Protein backbone atom coordinates (compact mmCIF):
# COMPACT_ATOMS: atom_id res chain seq x y z
CA MET A 1 -18.10 -0.59 -0.43
CA GLU A 2 -16.11 -3.75 0.14
CA VAL A 3 -14.28 -3.95 3.47
CA VAL A 4 -11.45 -6.51 3.46
CA ILE A 5 -9.93 -7.36 6.87
CA VAL A 6 -6.52 -9.01 6.74
CA ALA A 7 -3.93 -10.16 9.25
CA ASP A 8 -1.36 -7.42 8.84
CA ALA A 9 0.07 -4.58 6.77
CA GLU A 10 1.95 -6.96 4.44
CA ALA A 11 -1.29 -8.69 3.48
CA ALA A 12 -3.03 -5.35 3.00
CA GLY A 13 -0.30 -4.08 0.70
CA ALA A 14 -0.40 -7.28 -1.31
CA ILE A 15 -4.13 -6.90 -2.02
CA ALA A 16 -3.76 -3.27 -3.06
CA ALA A 17 -0.80 -4.13 -5.32
CA GLY A 18 -2.84 -6.94 -6.85
CA ILE A 19 -5.55 -4.49 -7.80
CA VAL A 20 -3.06 -2.22 -9.58
CA GLU A 21 -1.32 -5.19 -11.20
CA ARG A 22 -4.57 -6.44 -12.66
CA LEU A 23 -5.40 -2.92 -13.90
CA LEU A 24 -2.05 -2.72 -15.72
CA GLY A 25 -2.71 -6.09 -17.30
CA THR A 26 -6.16 -5.17 -18.61
CA LYS A 27 -5.51 -1.50 -19.38
CA PRO A 28 -1.81 -0.77 -19.97
CA ALA A 29 -2.49 2.93 -20.64
CA CYS A 30 -4.20 3.41 -17.30
CA VAL A 31 -4.03 6.31 -14.84
CA ILE A 32 -2.97 5.42 -11.32
CA GLY A 33 -3.61 7.77 -8.45
CA VAL A 34 -0.68 7.50 -6.08
CA ALA A 35 -0.70 8.32 -2.36
CA THR A 36 2.10 8.96 0.03
CA GLY A 37 2.79 8.29 3.69
CA SER A 38 3.35 4.95 5.30
CA SER A 39 0.14 3.20 4.08
CA PRO A 40 1.13 2.54 0.44
CA VAL A 41 4.83 1.68 0.92
CA ILE A 42 4.26 -2.08 0.90
CA THR A 43 1.99 -1.72 -2.13
CA TYR A 44 4.74 0.03 -4.05
CA ARG A 45 7.30 -2.58 -3.00
CA ARG A 46 5.03 -5.31 -4.29
CA LEU A 47 4.51 -3.52 -7.58
CA VAL A 48 8.28 -3.16 -8.04
CA GLU A 49 8.61 -6.88 -7.38
CA ALA A 50 5.93 -7.62 -9.96
CA PHE A 51 7.71 -5.43 -12.52
CA CYS A 52 11.08 -7.04 -11.82
CA ALA A 53 9.48 -10.46 -12.27
CA GLY A 54 8.20 -9.38 -15.71
CA ARG A 55 4.52 -9.62 -14.79
CA ILE A 56 3.68 -5.94 -15.45
CA THR A 57 4.90 -2.87 -17.27
CA PHE A 58 4.20 0.78 -16.47
CA ALA A 59 5.44 1.98 -19.90
CA GLY A 60 2.02 3.18 -21.06
CA ALA A 61 0.64 4.27 -17.70
CA HIS A 62 0.40 7.66 -15.98
CA ALA A 63 0.70 8.38 -12.27
CA VAL A 64 -1.01 11.35 -10.66
CA LEU A 65 -0.22 12.54 -7.19
CA LEU A 66 -3.01 13.04 -4.69
CA ASP A 67 -1.40 16.06 -3.05
CA GLU A 68 1.80 18.00 -2.46
CA TYR A 69 3.24 20.29 0.23
CA VAL A 70 3.44 23.96 -0.46
CA GLY A 71 6.64 25.83 0.46
CA LEU A 72 9.19 23.04 0.41
CA PRO A 73 12.18 23.34 -1.99
CA ALA A 74 11.95 21.14 -5.08
CA ASP A 75 14.76 18.89 -3.75
CA HIS A 76 13.38 18.57 -0.20
CA PRO A 77 13.31 14.91 0.89
CA GLN A 78 9.67 15.25 2.01
CA ARG A 79 8.34 16.56 -1.30
CA TYR A 80 5.73 13.98 -2.29
CA ARG A 81 6.91 13.82 -5.88
CA ARG A 82 10.27 12.75 -4.55
CA PHE A 83 8.68 10.11 -2.32
CA VAL A 84 6.82 8.61 -5.26
CA HIS A 85 10.01 8.56 -7.31
CA GLU A 86 12.01 6.86 -4.58
CA GLN A 87 9.36 4.30 -3.71
CA LEU A 88 8.17 3.43 -7.23
CA VAL A 89 9.21 5.41 -10.31
CA GLU A 90 12.97 4.87 -10.04
CA HIS A 91 12.45 1.07 -9.92
CA VAL A 92 10.02 0.56 -12.83
CA ASP A 93 9.62 1.68 -16.45
CA LEU A 94 7.11 4.44 -15.79
CA PRO A 95 8.22 7.44 -17.92
CA VAL A 96 9.18 10.35 -15.71
CA GLU A 97 7.11 12.68 -17.91
CA HIS A 98 4.08 10.51 -17.08
CA VAL A 99 4.30 11.41 -13.38
CA HIS A 100 2.07 14.38 -12.60
CA ALA A 101 1.67 16.55 -9.50
CA PRO A 102 0.01 19.87 -8.72
CA ASP A 103 2.29 22.84 -9.43
CA VAL A 104 3.01 24.12 -5.97
CA ASP A 105 5.90 26.36 -7.04
CA THR A 106 3.74 28.84 -8.97
CA GLN A 107 2.59 32.18 -7.56
CA ASP A 108 -0.99 31.45 -8.58
CA LEU A 109 -1.99 28.39 -6.65
CA ALA A 110 -5.67 28.75 -7.39
CA GLU A 111 -4.91 28.56 -11.07
CA ALA A 112 -2.58 25.61 -10.46
CA GLY A 113 -5.50 23.76 -8.93
CA ARG A 114 -7.66 24.43 -11.96
CA ARG A 115 -4.85 23.32 -14.28
CA TYR A 116 -4.53 20.05 -12.36
CA GLU A 117 -8.22 19.39 -12.68
CA ALA A 118 -7.93 19.97 -16.41
CA LEU A 119 -4.96 17.61 -16.63
CA LEU A 120 -6.91 14.82 -14.91
CA THR A 121 -9.73 15.31 -17.40
CA GLU A 122 -7.26 15.35 -20.32
CA LEU A 123 -5.79 12.03 -19.13
CA GLY A 124 -9.25 10.49 -19.15
CA GLY A 125 -9.70 10.34 -15.40
CA VAL A 126 -8.12 8.19 -12.69
CA ASP A 127 -8.70 4.45 -12.98
CA VAL A 128 -7.51 3.44 -9.51
CA GLN A 129 -6.84 5.92 -6.69
CA LEU A 130 -4.80 4.70 -3.72
CA LEU A 131 -5.72 6.36 -0.44
CA GLY A 132 -4.72 6.49 3.18
CA ILE A 133 -6.70 7.98 6.02
CA GLY A 134 -5.66 10.44 8.72
CA SER A 135 -6.41 10.17 12.41
CA ASP A 136 -9.11 12.81 11.98
CA GLY A 137 -10.64 11.09 8.95
CA HIS A 138 -8.99 13.17 6.24
CA VAL A 139 -8.24 11.73 2.83
CA GLY A 140 -5.73 13.47 0.65
CA PHE A 141 -5.34 16.60 2.70
CA ASN A 142 -9.05 17.28 2.90
CA GLU A 143 -9.34 18.19 6.57
CA PRO A 144 -12.60 17.95 8.57
CA GLY A 145 -14.96 20.61 7.28
CA SER A 146 -13.85 20.23 3.69
CA SER A 147 -16.66 20.53 1.17
CA LEU A 148 -17.87 17.19 -0.11
CA ARG A 149 -17.87 18.76 -3.58
CA SER A 150 -14.39 20.29 -3.36
CA ARG A 151 -11.86 20.26 -6.15
CA THR A 152 -8.06 20.58 -6.24
CA ARG A 153 -7.07 23.57 -4.16
CA ILE A 154 -4.78 24.87 -1.41
CA LYS A 155 -5.60 23.78 2.10
CA THR A 156 -4.29 24.84 5.54
CA LEU A 157 -3.26 21.84 7.67
CA THR A 158 -4.67 21.38 11.15
CA ALA A 159 -2.42 21.06 14.18
CA ALA A 160 -3.38 17.38 14.46
CA THR A 161 -2.32 16.60 10.88
CA ARG A 162 0.92 18.49 11.23
CA ALA A 163 1.64 16.59 14.50
CA ASP A 164 0.91 13.30 12.67
CA ASN A 165 3.42 14.22 9.93
CA ALA A 166 6.06 15.67 12.20
CA ARG A 167 7.79 12.24 12.39
CA PHE A 168 8.91 12.77 8.83
CA PHE A 169 10.55 16.17 9.60
CA ALA A 170 13.21 17.44 11.95
CA ASN A 171 10.56 18.92 14.23
CA LEU A 172 6.96 20.11 14.20
CA ASP A 173 7.90 23.65 13.13
CA ALA A 174 9.43 22.24 9.96
CA VAL A 175 6.11 20.74 8.80
CA PRO A 176 4.51 22.97 6.14
CA ARG A 177 1.23 24.68 7.01
CA HIS A 178 -0.18 24.47 3.50
CA VAL A 179 -0.70 21.85 0.82
CA MET A 180 -2.29 21.48 -2.56
CA THR A 181 -4.68 18.56 -2.60
CA GLN A 182 -7.20 16.95 -4.83
CA GLY A 183 -10.69 17.72 -3.51
CA LEU A 184 -13.22 15.22 -2.28
CA ALA A 185 -15.19 15.49 -5.46
CA THR A 186 -12.01 15.01 -7.45
CA ILE A 187 -11.16 11.86 -5.52
CA GLY A 188 -14.69 10.62 -6.02
CA ASP A 189 -14.31 10.92 -9.79
CA ALA A 190 -11.81 8.05 -9.83
CA ARG A 191 -13.29 4.78 -11.07
CA HIS A 192 -12.00 2.67 -8.19
CA LEU A 193 -10.96 3.87 -4.75
CA VAL A 194 -8.60 1.68 -2.72
CA LEU A 195 -8.06 2.78 0.88
CA ILE A 196 -5.34 1.10 2.97
CA ALA A 197 -5.14 1.53 6.72
CA CYS A 198 -3.26 -0.44 9.35
CA GLY A 199 -2.75 -0.09 13.12
CA VAL A 200 -5.00 0.60 16.06
CA GLY A 201 -4.63 4.34 15.57
CA LYS A 202 -6.64 4.02 12.38
CA ALA A 203 -9.54 2.24 14.07
CA PRO A 204 -11.53 5.35 15.02
CA PRO A 205 -11.35 7.09 11.60
CA ILE A 206 -12.06 3.82 9.78
CA ALA A 207 -15.17 3.19 11.90
CA ALA A 208 -16.34 6.75 11.24
CA ALA A 209 -15.64 6.55 7.50
CA VAL A 210 -17.16 3.12 6.93
CA GLU A 211 -20.00 2.96 9.42
CA GLY A 212 -20.61 6.55 10.55
CA PRO A 213 -22.77 9.22 8.91
CA LEU A 214 -21.83 10.90 5.65
CA THR A 215 -20.40 14.19 6.95
CA ALA A 216 -17.75 16.78 6.22
CA SER A 217 -16.59 16.19 9.77
CA CYS A 218 -15.18 12.92 8.53
CA PRO A 219 -14.03 13.59 4.95
CA ALA A 220 -13.33 9.89 4.28
CA SER A 221 -17.02 9.16 4.76
CA ILE A 222 -17.38 10.41 1.16
CA LEU A 223 -16.32 6.87 0.18
CA GLN A 224 -19.85 5.77 1.08
CA LEU A 225 -21.19 7.53 -2.02
CA HIS A 226 -18.81 5.83 -4.45
CA PRO A 227 -19.87 2.80 -6.49
CA HIS A 228 -16.53 1.00 -6.35
CA VAL A 229 -14.53 1.23 -3.10
CA THR A 230 -12.17 -1.35 -1.56
CA VAL A 231 -11.15 -0.70 2.05
CA VAL A 232 -8.24 -2.91 3.03
CA ILE A 233 -7.44 -2.93 6.74
CA ASP A 234 -5.61 -5.05 9.27
CA GLU A 235 -7.21 -6.52 12.38
CA ALA A 236 -6.11 -3.55 14.54
CA ALA A 237 -7.63 -0.98 12.22
CA ALA A 238 -10.83 -3.08 12.07
CA SER A 239 -11.19 -3.18 15.86
CA GLY A 240 -13.69 -0.33 16.01
CA LEU A 241 -16.11 -1.76 13.38
CA THR A 242 -19.51 -2.90 14.49
CA HIS A 243 -20.07 -5.13 11.46
CA ALA A 244 -16.61 -6.71 11.20
CA ALA A 245 -18.10 -10.21 11.29
CA TYR A 246 -20.25 -9.36 8.27
CA TYR A 247 -17.30 -8.05 6.34
CA ARG A 248 -15.31 -11.19 7.03
CA GLU A 249 -18.22 -13.44 6.07
CA THR A 250 -18.91 -11.68 2.74
CA HIS A 251 -15.23 -11.65 1.85
CA ALA A 252 -14.85 -15.35 2.66
CA GLY A 253 -17.86 -16.11 0.45
CA LYS A 254 -16.79 -14.00 -2.45
CA PRO A 255 -17.04 -15.82 -5.81
CA SER A 256 -13.65 -16.75 -7.28
CA TRP A 257 -14.44 -14.85 -10.51
CA GLN A 258 -15.32 -11.61 -8.72
CA HIS A 259 -12.36 -9.24 -8.54
CA TYR A 260 -11.83 -6.42 -6.07
């Protein structure tokens, strides 16, 4: 796991965007795992800028959503598919039919999870998966207690997660209680995991995920088992790390030819 500590959210987003930009340059028909929430917004803006500058194309790529709310109308402003379209898809040449999300409108949600797993396999797997982290250490919507071997399925959101997301809705009662999310094992199948976290509120879960024990109580700790993880955080999010000086030293001494 490589932990990269930067000055602010803008710098964090630039690094994550650079990882995706390089992937598109080396593998145009790649599969990008897209996340939602506030963490990846700067990353998407940077990618749009790179596309407009002619440095990259998404024409051969696919995007797969990490999760989606259950129970919201298809045109609801907080549907995650809509978020991804507004932040990225509408501004680049990624074909709309290459944007994939779990089918949360079906009556058989268990089967929808299995179909999504099959789709990911059919696409050849995810090359880069963008991630955020919740205040309780969840990734995707894998809440504490989620199986470390879990696959795409329906999950019930905790009160803490719903409270965290209430700022995007009219009130807490409007926040859905259920989601469809990739499981921890599904996320772990991606070839490269890129987690972005900024702000002092992310310091406790980052410390638990990076330096704490591997445990279902902190789902993000599953990153410790992955062979290629880049954790990009600002100074505030790094404030709870015991080995922050080590991470800074190793990043400063990184060979120029070695990519993230």
